[in-house]
Every structure is written in structure tokens, then in C-alpha cells.
C-alpha atoms as a PDB file:
ATOM      1  CA  GLY A   1      89.184 124.572 -39.419  1.00  0.00           C
ATOM      2  CA  ARG A   2      90.993 126.336 -37.722  1.00  0.00           C
ATOM      3  CA  TRP A   3      93.321 125.595 -34.514  1.00  0.00           C
ATOM      4  CA  GLN A   4      93.411 127.978 -32.133  1.00  0.00           C
ATOM      5  CA  SER A   5      94.527 128.234 -28.495  1.00  0.00           C
ATOM      6  CA  ALA A   6      94.468 131.292 -25.462  1.00  0.00           C
ATOM      7  CA  VAL A   7      95.983 131.501 -22.349  1.00  0.00           C
ATOM      8  CA  ALA A   8      94.399 132.128 -19.264  1.00  0.00           C
ATOM      9  CA  ASP A   9      95.750 132.948 -16.205  1.00  0.00           C
ATOM     10  CA  GLU A  10      95.326 130.779 -13.122  1.00  0.00           C
ATOM     11  CA  GLU A  11      95.901 131.455  -9.403  1.00  0.00           C
ATOM     12  CA  ARG A  12      96.647 128.156  -7.720  1.00  0.00           C
ATOM     13  CA  PRO A  13      98.892 126.448  -5.203  1.00  0.00           C
ATOM     14  CA  LEU A  14     102.595 126.220  -6.260  1.00  0.00           C
ATOM     15  CA  ASP A  15     102.954 122.510  -5.618  1.00  0.00           C
ATOM     16  CA  ASP A  16      99.782 121.486  -8.096  1.00  0.00           C
ATOM     17  CA  ALA A  17     100.959 123.191 -10.824  1.00  0.00           C
ATOM     18  CA  LEU A  18     104.738 121.899 -10.531  1.00  0.00           C
ATOM     19  CA  LEU A  19     103.158 118.110 -10.126  1.00  0.00           C
ATOM     20  CA  ASP A  20     100.954 119.228 -13.504  1.00  0.00           C
ATOM     21  CA  PHE A  21     104.083 120.227 -15.375  1.00  0.00           C
ATOM     22  CA  ALA A  22     106.283 117.392 -14.313  1.00  0.00           C
ATOM     23  CA  MET A  23     103.433 114.831 -15.038  1.00  0.00           C
ATOM     24  CA  GLU A  24     103.264 116.525 -18.636  1.00  0.00           C
ATOM     25  CA  ALA A  25     106.701 116.374 -18.848  1.00  0.00           C
ATOM     26  CA  VAL A  26     107.176 113.009 -18.012  1.00  0.00           C
ATOM     27  CA  ASN A  27     104.204 111.877 -20.341  1.00  0.00           C
ATOM     28  CA  ALA A  28     105.702 113.721 -23.871  1.00  0.00           C
ATOM     29  CA  HIS A  29     108.809 112.161 -23.314  1.00  0.00           C
ATOM     30  CA  HIS A  30     108.249 108.850 -22.212  1.00  0.00           C
ATOM     31  CA  GLY A  31     104.553 108.419 -22.456  1.00  0.00           C
ATOM     32  CA  GLY A  32     102.880 104.830 -21.354  1.00  0.00           C
ATOM     33  CA  TRP A  33     105.396 104.562 -18.241  1.00  0.00           C
ATOM     34  CA  GLU A  34     102.536 103.793 -16.246  1.00  0.00           C
ATOM     35  CA  ASN A  35     101.393 100.574 -18.079  1.00  0.00           C
ATOM     36  CA  ASN A  36     102.713  97.438 -17.933  1.00  0.00           C
ATOM     37  CA  ASP A  37     105.813  97.175 -15.528  1.00  0.00           C
ATOM     38  CA  GLY A  38     106.094 101.040 -14.592  1.00  0.00           C
ATOM     39  CA  GLY A  39     108.535 103.347 -14.512  1.00  0.00           C
ATOM     40  CA  ALA A  40     110.570 105.617 -11.787  1.00  0.00           C
ATOM     41  CA  GLY A  41     112.519 108.808 -12.114  1.00  0.00           C
ATOM     42  CA  GLU A  42     112.726 112.053 -10.862  1.00  0.00           C
ATOM     43  CA  VAL A  43     112.213 115.248 -11.930  1.00  0.00           C
ATOM     44  CA  ILE A  44     114.807 117.904 -10.856  1.00  0.00           C
ATOM     45  CA  PHE A  45     113.468 121.696 -11.230  1.00  0.00           C
ATOM     46  CA  ASP A  46     117.481 123.465 -11.182  1.00  0.00           C
ATOM     47  CA  CYS A  47     117.055 127.462  -9.922  1.00  0.00           C
ATOM     48  CA  THR A  48     120.294 127.753  -9.605  1.00  0.00           C
ATOM     49  CA  SER A  49     121.524 126.412 -13.413  1.00  0.00           C
ATOM     50  CA  ASP A  50     117.885 127.236 -14.731  1.00  0.00           C
ATOM     51  CA  SER A  51     116.920 124.209 -15.907  1.00  0.00           C
ATOM     52  CA  VAL A  52     114.769 120.938 -15.435  1.00  0.00           C
ATOM     53  CA  ARG A  53     116.015 117.667 -16.132  1.00  0.00           C
ATOM     54  CA  LEU A  54     114.143 114.030 -16.134  1.00  0.00           C
ATOM     55  CA  GLU A  55     115.658 110.888 -15.361  1.00  0.00           C
ATOM     56  CA  HIS A  56     113.226 108.183 -15.603  1.00  0.00           C
ATOM     57  CA  LYS A  57     113.632 104.120 -15.708  1.00  0.00           C
ATOM     58  CA  ASP A  58     111.124 101.841 -17.748  1.00  0.00           C
ATOM     59  CA  TYR A  59     110.581  98.497 -16.331  1.00  0.00           C
ATOM     60  CA  TYR A  60     109.870  95.561 -18.688  1.00  0.00           C
ATOM     61  CA  ILE A  61     110.415  91.631 -18.987  1.00  0.00           C
ATOM     62  CA  GLU A  62     112.133  90.571 -21.306  1.00  0.00           C
ATOM     63  CA  SER A  63     112.140  87.668 -22.808  1.00  0.00           C
ATOM     64  CA  VAL A  64     113.916  84.807 -25.692  1.00  0.00           C
ATOM     65  CA  CYS A  65     112.201  82.777 -27.547  1.00  0.00           C
ATOM     66  CA  THR A  66     114.072  79.586 -29.819  1.00  0.00           C
ATOM     67  CA  GLU A  67     113.076  77.539 -31.911  1.00  0.00           C
ATOM     68  CA  THR A  68     115.687  73.793 -32.827  1.00  0.00           C
ATOM     69  CA  THR A  69     114.216  71.549 -34.538  1.00  0.00           C
ATOM     70  CA  LEU A  70     116.638  68.139 -33.877  1.00  0.00           C
END
């Protein structure tokens, strides 16, 4: 009944590894972005500041419903 994990080294192209990392980061912070109206944005790898930044936009349609009895 215990969780166990292991790390495995795997050789693969850098662009594939970066894409997988970026998609996992987006899904972790903006899950469901691909549903309904979708979303857009960028994952920025900034080597100078040793950081990764997510810039994300969610697209959605909003509506307001009112009911008035006259």
C-alpha cells in the first residue's frame, strides 16, 4: 500500500524533452485549457535568469442571464 518512485535516465532529443516539460507545467497550472474555447500562451525558458515562466490566456464565453417579472 505504499507509493514508490524511481528515476530512470533516458536519452532523447532535447526539443522532445523540453516540449514534454512545458506541457506538464501548463497542465499542472492550467489544466483543462484545451477544453471548450481553449487557451494560448508561451513557456519561456530564460537561461540568463535560470528560470522558466508561463504566460497563459484562457479563452471563454461569458453570459449573463436575468429574469424580470413585469
